[in-house]
Amino acid sequence: MTKWDDTSWQKEFLEMKSHSLSDIKLLTEGVKGLKGAWRLGVLHVEYKKLKKKQEEEQ
């Protein structure tokens, strides 16, 4: 089951790579509209890919 209020991945993702100021704001402050929700979804997919790659390297 998905926990929709789980932001732990966002904190971890901030430390995994450098981000634009707008992405940092989105990851720390949350979504304020449809565009932000779409972008956060894109960032979450990128996070999952990076996480999988890191796990494969270990």
N, C-alpha and C. Protein backbone atom coordinates (compact mmCIF):
# COMPACT_ATOMS: atom_id res chain seq x y z
N MET A 1 0.84 -1.19 0.00
CA MET A 1 0.00 0.00 0.00
C MET A 1 0.89 1.25 0.00
N THR A 2 0.53 2.24 -0.77
CA THR A 2 1.30 3.47 -0.89
C THR A 2 0.91 4.45 0.21
N LYS A 3 1.91 5.02 0.86
CA LYS A 3 1.66 6.08 1.83
C LYS A 3 1.83 7.40 1.09
N TRP A 4 0.75 8.11 0.86
CA TRP A 4 0.79 9.32 0.05
C TRP A 4 1.47 10.49 0.75
N ASP A 5 1.57 10.43 2.07
CA ASP A 5 2.22 11.53 2.79
C ASP A 5 3.67 11.22 3.14
N ASP A 6 4.24 10.16 2.57
CA ASP A 6 5.63 9.78 2.83
C ASP A 6 6.57 10.66 2.01
N THR A 7 7.36 11.49 2.67
CA THR A 7 8.28 12.39 1.98
C THR A 7 9.74 11.98 2.17
N SER A 8 9.97 10.79 2.73
CA SER A 8 11.35 10.37 2.99
C SER A 8 12.16 10.23 1.70
N TRP A 9 11.52 9.83 0.62
CA TRP A 9 12.24 9.70 -0.64
C TRP A 9 12.72 11.06 -1.13
N GLN A 10 11.95 12.11 -0.84
CA GLN A 10 12.31 13.45 -1.30
C GLN A 10 13.59 13.92 -0.61
N LYS A 11 13.71 13.68 0.68
CA LYS A 11 14.92 14.07 1.41
C LYS A 11 16.12 13.30 0.91
N GLU A 12 15.95 12.02 0.67
CA GLU A 12 17.05 11.19 0.15
C GLU A 12 17.44 11.63 -1.25
N PHE A 13 16.46 11.94 -2.08
CA PHE A 13 16.72 12.35 -3.47
C PHE A 13 17.49 13.67 -3.52
N LEU A 14 17.22 14.57 -2.61
CA LEU A 14 17.95 15.84 -2.56
C LEU A 14 19.45 15.62 -2.36
N GLU A 15 19.82 14.57 -1.66
CA GLU A 15 21.22 14.27 -1.38
C GLU A 15 21.88 13.45 -2.47
N MET A 16 21.10 12.87 -3.38
CA MET A 16 21.64 11.98 -4.40
C MET A 16 22.29 12.71 -5.56
N LYS A 17 21.84 13.91 -5.87
CA LYS A 17 22.35 14.65 -7.03
C LYS A 17 22.02 16.12 -6.86
N SER A 18 22.58 16.94 -7.74
CA SER A 18 22.25 18.37 -7.69
C SER A 18 20.92 18.61 -8.40
N HIS A 19 20.20 19.63 -7.95
CA HIS A 19 18.87 19.94 -8.48
C HIS A 19 18.76 21.43 -8.78
N SER A 20 17.81 21.77 -9.62
CA SER A 20 17.51 23.18 -9.87
C SER A 20 16.82 23.76 -8.64
N LEU A 21 16.84 25.07 -8.53
CA LEU A 21 16.19 25.73 -7.39
C LEU A 21 14.70 25.42 -7.35
N SER A 22 14.05 25.38 -8.51
CA SER A 22 12.62 25.09 -8.53
C SER A 22 12.33 23.67 -8.07
N ASP A 23 13.20 22.72 -8.43
CA ASP A 23 13.01 21.34 -7.98
C ASP A 23 13.26 21.21 -6.48
N ILE A 24 14.25 21.92 -5.96
CA ILE A 24 14.52 21.89 -4.52
C ILE A 24 13.31 22.42 -3.76
N LYS A 25 12.75 23.52 -4.24
CA LYS A 25 11.57 24.10 -3.60
C LYS A 25 10.40 23.12 -3.64
N LEU A 26 10.20 22.47 -4.76
CA LEU A 26 9.12 21.51 -4.90
C LEU A 26 9.31 20.32 -3.96
N LEU A 27 10.54 19.82 -3.87
CA LEU A 27 10.83 18.67 -3.02
C LEU A 27 10.72 19.00 -1.53
N THR A 28 11.00 20.24 -1.16
CA THR A 28 10.97 20.60 0.26
C THR A 28 9.63 21.18 0.71
N GLU A 29 8.99 21.94 -0.17
CA GLU A 29 7.75 22.63 0.22
C GLU A 29 6.49 21.93 -0.24
N GLY A 30 6.61 21.06 -1.23
CA GLY A 30 5.45 20.32 -1.70
C GLY A 30 4.78 20.95 -2.91
N VAL A 31 3.74 20.30 -3.34
CA VAL A 31 3.01 20.65 -4.57
C VAL A 31 2.00 21.76 -4.31
N LYS A 32 1.91 22.68 -5.26
CA LYS A 32 0.93 23.76 -5.14
C LYS A 32 -0.06 23.78 -6.30
N GLY A 33 0.12 22.91 -7.27
CA GLY A 33 -0.79 22.87 -8.41
C GLY A 33 -0.55 21.66 -9.29
N LEU A 34 -1.25 21.62 -10.40
CA LEU A 34 -1.15 20.48 -11.32
C LEU A 34 0.24 20.35 -11.91
N LYS A 35 0.84 21.46 -12.30
CA LYS A 35 2.18 21.44 -12.88
C LYS A 35 3.19 20.88 -11.87
N GLY A 36 3.07 21.30 -10.61
CA GLY A 36 3.96 20.80 -9.57
C GLY A 36 3.76 19.32 -9.31
N ALA A 37 2.53 18.86 -9.35
CA ALA A 37 2.24 17.45 -9.16
C ALA A 37 2.85 16.62 -10.28
N TRP A 38 2.75 17.11 -11.49
CA TRP A 38 3.34 16.41 -12.64
C TRP A 38 4.85 16.34 -12.48
N ARG A 39 5.48 17.46 -12.14
CA ARG A 39 6.93 17.52 -11.99
C ARG A 39 7.39 16.62 -10.85
N LEU A 40 6.67 16.60 -9.75
CA LEU A 40 7.03 15.75 -8.62
C LEU A 40 6.97 14.28 -9.03
N GLY A 41 6.00 13.93 -9.85
CA GLY A 41 5.92 12.56 -10.36
C GLY A 41 7.12 12.20 -11.21
N VAL A 42 7.55 13.14 -12.05
CA VAL A 42 8.74 12.93 -12.89
C VAL A 42 9.97 12.75 -12.00
N LEU A 43 10.09 13.58 -10.97
CA LEU A 43 11.23 13.48 -10.05
C LEU A 43 11.21 12.15 -9.30
N HIS A 44 10.03 11.67 -8.96
CA HIS A 44 9.93 10.39 -8.24
C HIS A 44 10.38 9.23 -9.12
N VAL A 45 10.04 9.27 -10.39
CA VAL A 45 10.49 8.23 -11.33
C VAL A 45 12.01 8.28 -11.45
N GLU A 46 12.57 9.48 -11.55
CA GLU A 46 14.02 9.64 -11.63
C GLU A 46 14.69 9.11 -10.35
N TYR A 47 14.09 9.40 -9.20
CA TYR A 47 14.60 8.89 -7.92
C TYR A 47 14.64 7.37 -7.92
N LYS A 48 13.55 6.74 -8.35
CA LYS A 48 13.49 5.27 -8.35
C LYS A 48 14.56 4.68 -9.25
N LYS A 49 14.82 5.30 -10.41
CA LYS A 49 15.86 4.82 -11.33
C LYS A 49 17.24 4.94 -10.70
N LEU A 50 17.53 6.09 -10.08
CA LEU A 50 18.82 6.28 -9.43
C LEU A 50 19.00 5.32 -8.26
N LYS A 51 17.95 5.11 -7.49
CA LYS A 51 17.99 4.21 -6.34
C LYS A 51 18.28 2.79 -6.80
N LYS A 52 17.62 2.36 -7.87
CA LYS A 52 17.84 1.01 -8.40
C LYS A 52 19.27 0.86 -8.89
N LYS A 53 19.78 1.89 -9.56
CA LYS A 53 21.15 1.85 -10.08
C LYS A 53 22.15 1.76 -8.92
N GLN A 54 21.92 2.52 -7.86
CA GLN A 54 22.81 2.48 -6.70
C GLN A 54 22.79 1.10 -6.05
N GLU A 55 21.62 0.49 -5.94
CA GLU A 55 21.50 -0.83 -5.32
C GLU A 55 22.19 -1.88 -6.16
N GLU A 56 22.15 -1.75 -7.49
CA GLU A 56 22.79 -2.71 -8.37
C GLU A 56 24.31 -2.61 -8.28
N GLU A 57 24.84 -1.40 -8.03
CA GLU A 57 26.26 -1.18 -7.93
C GLU A 57 26.85 -1.75 -6.64
N GLN A 58 26.02 -1.91 -5.62
CA GLN A 58 26.52 -2.42 -4.33
C GLN A 58 26.55 -3.90 -4.26
